[in-house]
Protein backbone atom coordinates (compact mmCIF):
# COMPACT_ATOMS: atom_id res chain seq x y z
CA MET A 1 14.14 -28.02 -0.10
CA GLU A 2 12.29 -29.83 -2.29
CA SER A 3 8.77 -31.61 -2.91
CA ASP A 4 6.86 -33.07 -6.31
CA GLY A 5 9.46 -31.37 -7.95
CA PHE A 6 9.66 -28.07 -6.52
CA ALA A 7 12.42 -26.48 -5.27
CA GLU A 8 11.36 -23.45 -2.21
CA LEU A 9 14.18 -20.96 -2.03
CA GLU A 10 15.59 -20.93 1.95
CA TRP A 11 16.28 -17.33 3.15
CA ALA A 12 18.93 -16.38 5.88
CA PRO A 13 18.47 -14.62 8.72
CA GLY A 14 19.10 -10.75 8.05
CA SER A 15 17.92 -11.03 4.35
CA ALA A 16 15.23 -8.24 3.12
CA GLN A 17 13.42 -8.07 -0.06
CA VAL A 18 12.02 -4.94 -0.55
CA ASP A 19 8.91 -3.65 -2.98
CA PHE A 20 6.24 -1.34 -3.48
CA GLY A 21 1.91 -1.42 -3.07
CA GLN A 22 -0.28 0.60 -3.55
CA ALA A 23 -3.38 1.45 -1.95
CA ARG A 24 -6.08 4.10 -1.07
CA ALA A 25 -6.73 6.62 2.30
CA VAL A 26 -8.70 9.43 3.10
CA ILE A 27 -5.25 12.18 4.46
CA ALA A 28 -7.03 15.59 5.18
CA GLY A 29 -10.01 14.01 4.25
CA VAL A 30 -9.95 13.72 0.83
CA GLU A 31 -9.33 10.08 -0.84
CA ARG A 32 -6.02 9.62 -2.41
CA VAL A 33 -3.66 6.66 -3.87
CA VAL A 34 -1.31 6.06 -0.80
CA ARG A 35 2.33 4.53 -1.97
CA PHE A 36 3.98 2.11 0.71
CA LEU A 37 7.20 0.84 0.68
CA VAL A 38 7.13 -3.21 2.34
CA ALA A 39 10.65 -4.69 3.76
CA SER A 40 10.32 -7.98 4.31
CA PHE A 41 12.46 -10.87 6.49
CA PRO A 42 11.68 -14.05 4.82
CA TYR A 43 13.72 -16.49 7.58
CA SER A 44 10.90 -15.07 10.30
CA ASN A 45 8.33 -13.71 8.10
CA MET A 46 8.32 -10.25 9.82
CA ARG A 47 7.26 -7.34 7.73
CA TRP A 48 8.10 -3.36 8.02
CA VAL A 49 5.74 -0.27 5.87
CA VAL A 50 6.43 2.72 5.67
CA ALA A 51 4.03 5.35 3.52
CA LEU A 52 5.74 7.57 0.82
CA PRO A 53 4.74 10.18 -1.44
CA GLY A 54 6.66 8.23 -4.67
CA GLU A 55 8.74 5.42 -5.88
CA THR A 56 11.44 7.66 -6.64
CA SER A 57 15.48 6.81 -5.40
CA GLU A 58 15.19 9.78 -2.84
CA CYS A 59 12.01 7.78 -1.55
CA VAL A 60 13.59 4.72 -1.64
CA CYS A 61 16.21 5.72 -0.02
CA GLN A 62 14.03 7.36 2.51
CA GLY A 63 12.06 4.47 3.11
CA LEU A 64 14.77 2.21 4.21
CA LEU A 65 16.45 4.86 6.59
CA TRP A 66 12.72 5.23 8.41
CA ILE A 67 12.45 1.22 8.62
CA PHE A 68 16.24 1.09 9.64
CA GLY A 69 15.59 3.51 11.97
CA ARG A 70 12.41 1.55 13.21
CA MET A 71 14.58 -1.41 13.76
CA GLY A 72 18.04 0.15 15.42
CA MET A 73 19.56 -1.72 12.94
CA ALA A 74 19.94 -2.33 9.19
CA PRO A 75 20.09 -5.84 6.88
CA ARG A 76 22.98 -7.16 5.14
CA VAL A 77 21.23 -8.10 1.85
CA VAL A 78 18.30 -6.57 0.29
CA VAL A 79 16.38 -7.93 -2.77
CA PHE A 80 14.71 -5.38 -4.89
CA ASP A 81 12.35 -5.96 -7.68
CA ASN A 82 13.78 -5.41 -11.10
CA ALA A 83 16.06 -1.80 -9.53
CA THR A 84 12.89 -0.24 -8.96
CA GLY A 85 13.23 3.65 -8.10
CA VAL A 86 16.92 3.46 -6.94
CA GLY A 87 18.04 2.52 -10.75
CA ARG A 88 17.79 1.45 -14.90
CA ARG A 89 17.91 -2.08 -16.10
CA VAL A 90 20.15 -1.60 -19.29
CA CYS A 91 20.06 -5.25 -20.89
CA ASP A 92 21.49 -7.71 -18.13
CA GLU A 93 22.77 -4.73 -16.32
CA VAL A 94 21.14 -2.99 -13.79
CA ARG A 95 22.32 0.51 -13.49
CA THR A 96 21.58 2.63 -9.58
CA THR A 97 21.51 5.67 -9.15
CA GLU A 98 24.36 7.45 -7.90
CA LEU A 99 22.26 8.27 -4.18
CA PHE A 100 20.78 4.42 -4.18
CA ALA A 101 24.57 3.10 -4.39
CA ALA A 102 25.68 5.99 -1.58
CA CYS A 103 22.31 4.78 0.94
CA ALA A 104 23.98 1.24 0.51
CA ALA A 105 27.75 2.04 0.87
CA HIS A 106 26.54 4.17 3.89
CA TYR A 107 24.47 1.46 5.72
CA GLY A 108 26.57 -1.13 4.28
CA PHE A 109 24.30 -3.24 3.26
CA ASP A 110 24.71 -5.47 -0.56
CA PHE A 111 21.82 -5.58 -3.02
CA ARG A 112 20.36 -7.41 -6.23
CA PHE A 113 17.71 -7.29 -7.99
CA CYS A 114 15.11 -9.80 -9.55
CA ASN A 115 15.40 -10.77 -12.94
CA PRO A 116 12.72 -9.57 -15.55
CA ALA A 117 8.83 -11.26 -15.11
CA SER A 118 9.93 -13.02 -11.94
CA GLY A 119 7.92 -12.42 -9.17
CA ASN A 120 9.06 -16.04 -7.54
CA GLU A 121 12.61 -14.60 -6.77
CA LYS A 122 10.60 -12.09 -4.45
CA GLY A 123 7.44 -14.27 -3.29
CA ASN A 124 7.64 -13.62 0.24
CA VAL A 125 7.54 -9.36 0.52
CA GLU A 126 4.86 -10.15 -2.91
CA SER A 127 2.78 -11.95 -0.37
CA LYS A 128 3.52 -9.29 2.42
CA VAL A 129 2.00 -6.54 -0.16
CA ARG A 130 -1.53 -8.05 -0.38
CA TYR A 131 -1.18 -8.90 3.29
CA LEU A 132 -0.38 -5.40 4.58
CA ARG A 133 -2.87 -3.85 1.56
CA ALA A 134 -5.70 -5.78 3.34
CA ASN A 135 -4.66 -5.42 7.06
CA LEU A 136 -3.72 -1.76 6.90
CA PHE A 137 -5.70 -0.37 4.42
CA VAL A 138 -8.91 -2.22 4.27
CA PRO A 139 -11.00 -0.55 5.52
CA VAL A 140 -9.91 2.51 3.68
CA PRO A 141 -7.87 4.63 6.81
CA GLN A 142 -8.86 7.95 7.67
CA MET A 143 -5.45 9.86 8.77
CA PRO A 144 -4.87 13.64 9.54
CA SER A 145 -1.63 13.00 7.29
CA VAL A 146 1.07 10.49 5.84
CA ALA A 147 3.33 11.63 9.01
CA ALA A 148 0.54 10.41 11.34
CA TYR A 149 -0.12 6.99 9.95
CA ASN A 150 3.82 6.28 9.70
CA ARG A 151 4.34 7.28 13.47
CA ARG A 152 1.31 4.05 14.09
CA LEU A 153 2.53 1.69 11.81
CA PRO A 154 5.73 0.09 13.67
CA ASP A 155 2.99 -0.58 16.49
CA LEU A 156 1.11 -2.22 13.86
CA CYS A 157 3.47 -3.88 12.32
CA MET A 158 4.61 -5.01 15.56
CA ALA A 159 1.43 -6.09 16.52
CA LEU A 160 0.53 -8.56 13.40
CA SER A 161 3.92 -10.61 14.20
CA GLU A 162 2.56 -12.02 17.06
CA LYS A 163 0.94 -15.47 14.80
CA ASP A 164 2.93 -17.90 14.36
CA HIS A 165 5.05 -18.24 11.00
CA TYR A 166 3.05 -20.53 8.38
CA LEU A 167 6.07 -23.15 8.64
CA ARG A 168 7.66 -23.00 12.48
CA ASP A 169 5.69 -23.35 15.47
CA GLU A 170 6.93 -19.88 16.40
CA PRO A 171 5.21 -16.14 16.56
CA GLU A 172 7.16 -14.12 13.79
CA ARG A 173 8.28 -11.50 16.04
CA GLN A 174 10.22 -14.09 18.61
CA LEU A 175 11.85 -15.62 15.01
CA PHE A 176 12.81 -12.11 14.13
CA VAL A 177 15.14 -12.03 17.23
CA GLU A 178 16.90 -14.82 15.27
CA ASP A 179 17.12 -12.31 12.30
CA ARG A 180 18.34 -9.39 14.43
CA VAL A 181 21.69 -11.59 14.96
CA GLU A 182 22.73 -11.31 11.55
CA LEU A 183 21.72 -7.50 11.60
CA SER A 184 24.39 -4.66 11.11
CA SER A 185 24.13 -1.95 13.21
CA LEU A 186 23.66 1.85 12.05
CA PRO A 187 26.05 4.39 11.33
CA ARG A 188 26.39 7.16 13.63
CA ALA A 189 24.54 9.69 11.50
CA PRO A 190 21.53 8.60 9.43
CA PHE A 191 21.89 9.16 5.44
CA SER A 192 21.05 12.62 3.73
CA CYS A 193 18.18 11.05 1.02
CA VAL A 194 18.26 14.73 -0.71
CA THR A 195 19.66 14.71 -4.33
CA TRP A 196 20.54 18.01 -4.65
CA VAL A 197 19.98 20.04 -8.54
CA ARG A 198 20.52 23.32 -9.89
CA ARG A 199 18.11 24.86 -12.16
CA ARG A 200 17.92 28.03 -13.97
CA ALA A 201 14.24 29.46 -13.40
CA ASP A 202 12.85 30.31 -17.03
CA ARG A 203 11.30 34.12 -17.64
CA TYR A 204 7.73 33.40 -15.91
CA GLY A 205 9.99 32.47 -12.52
CA LYS A 206 9.23 28.58 -13.11
CA VAL A 207 11.95 25.74 -12.65
CA LYS A 208 11.68 22.19 -14.00
CA VAL A 209 12.46 19.25 -11.52
CA GLY A 210 12.25 15.75 -12.39
CA GLY A 211 8.82 16.32 -14.87
CA CYS A 212 7.74 19.00 -12.63
CA HIS A 213 7.69 22.34 -12.70
CA LEU A 214 8.35 24.72 -9.76
CA TYR A 215 7.63 28.55 -8.97
CA SER A 216 10.82 29.91 -7.86
């Protein structure tokens, strides 16, 4: 679609965009920074969100598993922001982690990454990150645990989807039905979002994993 010299990207049903956002929350009485993973569906403007402890490959895969489980299905195509959490860019090539590649194969979705400094390629999910921050984390929420808040998020996302699509005179929730037609069914067994490593403890009984020291 073109207007005044600009082209508006059109997304097919069943395609998703994924990105991270940050907000503050009071967890068990302590205010902390919370990272949340957003999966948006540009066709319907539907969005799903899950709070996570970090932005590692393990966290991304666990977040996708959580979102897929809530939907009961998986998208066919997922667009990520410049390989955040799931790999690293080397010149023009993105090298994904083995864990993420295995996760994509398990759920059968294709993936691609935005070019550096090209936020317009995933503008839908970027707007959803801002929207969800304003609607779910303002005022600063208080929760007994992140897991407890995550259990509430599907219902909160569905409530937000009752509004009409910004271009179509239909509720986003209703348009998401068309997205679902193009989604894939889930495999019988969920993916295991774990990276196993072998480490030798030092003389103080510590092991180092991912830059952090843990006691053995």
